[in-house]
Amino acid sequence: MGLGYIGLPTAIIAAREGGVKVLGVDINPETVRKTNAGELHIIEPGLGDLLKEVVADGTLVASGQPTEADAFFIVVPTPFKGNHQPDISYVEAATRAVLPYLKEGDLYVIESTSPIGTTESMADLIFAERPELRGKIYIAYCPERVLPGNVIYELVHNDRVIGGINPESTRKAMDFYSRFVKGTLHPTNARTAEMCKLTENSSRDVQIAFANELSIICDKAGINVWELISLANKHPRVNILQPGCGVGGHCIAVDPYFISSAFPNEAKMIAQARATNNYKAMWCAEKVVNTILKFEIDNGRKPVVALMGVAFKPNIDDLRESPAAAIIDKVMEAGTGAELLVVEPNVKSHPKYALADYKQAFNKADIVVMLTAHDQFKTLPNDSSKVILDFCGIYK
């Protein structure tokens, strides 16, 4: 249930490596059409060829509706609503959609990142609507932990944490994942598995927040943060991450809120890391605006500004929760009158911005703002005739 950045690769790998026939369900008719035509609707290296293969041999078929099966996997978004409260309505809707098709012996697994207790809540929903299934189906939680751009390898080789609502459900889910996962499968309970996913991404958020906070301090102190981190990391027990213009994506930028909203009095460090990483994007936007104003004062004309990158991380087309997009929006809202050229080489078009070619934008620009470290940008010269704001370490 769900053919997005995680659901589609999982469906493809399960069909190809797991020896099972997969029905991929999505509410977007265009996603269903493209998938059945063997056309990849996301950017992920190597995945397009595998999609064509499993569609051609009939092991993966896409549909807008579920049907009877032996195992059901919920891989839908879990955004947040007002005040960063987790929204599990997509998980609930997908669960209700499969309710009529569940039967004795079936496996039901949630992969969507979820607040603690979600799996138990969905079990309660299932048994309230289908009481005859109590004790007769297997329910578990197994979070994904893949890196966009390396999904094929990581779906197969990464360890997985699998937690059922009871030991029998855990074992049943492990039996399925063992069909295509070569990494170690770690059994636990549903609540611990849910918390494990949130903990992994909250830990990374805290580490990134340290680097981002350090970059702001270094800017004020006149220190090259990239050199500083490189030197500090020579210490055998220090491993500082690289700063950026914030944190994006549907995991690290979202998951910590699932903890801090449920435990506001306890999750102080987690909440502060989120605030720091959100602030970094606003700090970058302010830095761009001030640079534009200074250029106009110094040169007596408004500059051309190339805003390089919209995706939340390098070499992908995923724009979810992108700090680069937030920075671009803030710069546009500032109304400086500068000519703004938005660049994102991994998407063909954008609903809000007219996209420019990265080489043409760079050559034309007076001010170049590096927001996402795409490989294409690393081929561009560090041109001293331009003002370059490198927020992502292109020229480190």
Foldseek 3Di string as FASTA:
>chain_A
DDCPPPQVLVQLLCLPQLVAADEAADQDPVCQVCLLVLHDPWDAPPVSVSSVVSSVVRSYHYDNADAADQEAEAADEFFADPPLHTRCVSVLVSLVRCLVRDDFNHAYEYQYQDFQCPQVVSVVVSCVVVVVCVVGYWTKYKYQDDDGRCRNVCLAEPEIEMATCDVVNRVVVVVSSVSRHPYHYHYDHRRVNSVVQLVVLLVVLLLQLVQLVQVVVCVVVVHDSVVVQVVVPVPPPDDRDHYAQAAFDRRNLRSLSSVCVVPVPPCVSSVVSNVSRLVSLVVLLVVVLVVQVVCCVVPVDGWEEELEAQPQEEDTDHNGRRSSVVSVVSNVVVPPVHHYAYAHVHDPQDPPDGHDHPVVSVVRGQEYEAHYQYVVVLVDDPDPSHHYHYRGPSPD
